[in-house]
Amino acid sequence: MAARRVAAEQSAPLIDLHAASTRLCTALGPAGCALLSPHRSDGTVDATHLNAAGAARFGRLVADLAREAVPELRPWLAPA
């Protein structure tokens, strides 16, 4: 992955949100993911976007990943 290579070359932290969100969605399963997604007017799940619950869940995920990748941010991130 090019992003990993560049992060390593620049000694920059990397947050692999794709891998983390894939793990989360696998753990939640389709029904759990549907609870985090808005529903279209025809009742189908919009699996691309997030509803308020999804925004909170993924916001927490990003904050947790940032806390791990950049410990200096911990004072400015809400506790887990």
Protein backbone atom coordinates (compact mmCIF):
# COMPACT_ATOMS: atom_id res chain seq x y z
CA MET A 1 0.00 0.00 0.00
CA ALA A 2 1.47 3.33 -1.08
CA ALA A 3 0.16 5.17 1.99
CA ARG A 4 2.06 2.84 4.31
CA ARG A 5 5.26 3.33 2.33
CA VAL A 6 4.95 7.12 2.38
CA ALA A 7 4.10 7.15 6.09
CA ALA A 8 7.17 5.03 6.79
CA GLU A 9 9.40 7.20 4.61
CA GLN A 10 8.15 10.37 6.30
CA SER A 11 8.10 8.85 9.81
CA ALA A 12 4.46 9.90 9.92
CA PRO A 13 1.69 8.14 11.82
CA LEU A 14 -0.77 6.17 9.72
CA ILE A 15 -4.37 5.39 10.57
CA ASP A 16 -5.69 2.53 8.45
CA LEU A 17 -9.36 3.40 8.71
CA HIS A 18 -10.25 0.97 5.94
CA ALA A 19 -8.85 -2.00 7.86
CA ALA A 20 -10.35 -0.85 11.16
CA SER A 21 -13.80 -0.19 9.70
CA THR A 22 -13.72 -3.55 7.90
CA ARG A 23 -12.96 -5.29 11.22
CA LEU A 24 -15.75 -3.38 12.94
CA CYS A 25 -18.30 -4.17 10.24
CA THR A 26 -17.31 -7.82 10.21
CA ALA A 27 -17.77 -7.97 13.98
CA LEU A 28 -21.15 -6.19 13.80
CA GLY A 29 -22.45 -8.23 10.88
CA PRO A 30 -25.00 -7.00 8.35
CA ALA A 31 -27.74 -6.41 10.93
CA GLY A 32 -25.44 -4.40 13.18
CA CYS A 33 -24.17 -2.32 10.27
CA ALA A 34 -27.74 -1.63 9.17
CA LEU A 35 -28.34 0.01 12.56
CA LEU A 36 -25.55 2.49 11.77
CA SER A 37 -26.81 3.31 8.28
CA PRO A 38 -29.65 5.50 7.04
CA HIS A 39 -32.56 3.89 5.27
CA ARG A 40 -33.85 5.06 1.92
CA SER A 41 -37.49 5.96 1.37
CA ASP A 42 -38.06 2.48 -0.09
CA GLY A 43 -36.79 0.89 3.13
CA THR A 44 -33.45 -0.34 1.77
CA VAL A 45 -30.25 0.33 3.68
CA ASP A 46 -27.84 2.97 2.40
CA ALA A 47 -24.63 1.06 3.14
CA THR A 48 -22.44 3.95 1.95
CA HIS A 49 -23.38 6.63 4.48
CA LEU A 50 -23.84 6.79 8.25
CA ASN A 51 -26.75 7.86 10.41
CA ALA A 52 -26.24 9.62 13.76
CA ALA A 53 -25.49 6.33 15.55
CA GLY A 54 -23.02 5.39 12.82
CA ALA A 55 -21.32 8.79 13.00
CA ALA A 56 -20.89 8.38 16.76
CA ARG A 57 -19.56 4.81 16.42
CA PHE A 58 -17.11 5.64 13.65
CA GLY A 59 -16.12 8.91 15.30
CA ARG A 60 -15.16 6.92 18.39
CA LEU A 61 -13.23 4.49 16.18
CA VAL A 62 -11.25 7.32 14.58
CA ALA A 63 -10.56 8.93 17.97
CA ASP A 64 -9.34 5.60 19.36
CA LEU A 65 -7.08 5.04 16.36
CA ALA A 66 -5.71 8.59 16.60
CA ARG A 67 -5.05 8.10 20.31
CA GLU A 68 -2.97 5.00 19.49
CA ALA A 69 -1.17 6.45 16.45
CA VAL A 70 -0.40 9.86 17.96
CA PRO A 71 -0.19 9.63 21.75
CA GLU A 72 0.42 13.39 21.94
CA LEU A 73 -3.25 13.87 20.95
CA ARG A 74 -4.59 12.00 23.99
CA PRO A 75 -5.16 15.15 26.10
CA TRP A 76 -7.43 16.57 23.37
CA LEU A 77 -9.43 13.42 22.67
CA ALA A 78 -12.33 12.35 24.82
CA PRO A 79 -11.59 9.23 26.86
CA ALA A 80 -12.72 5.94 25.39
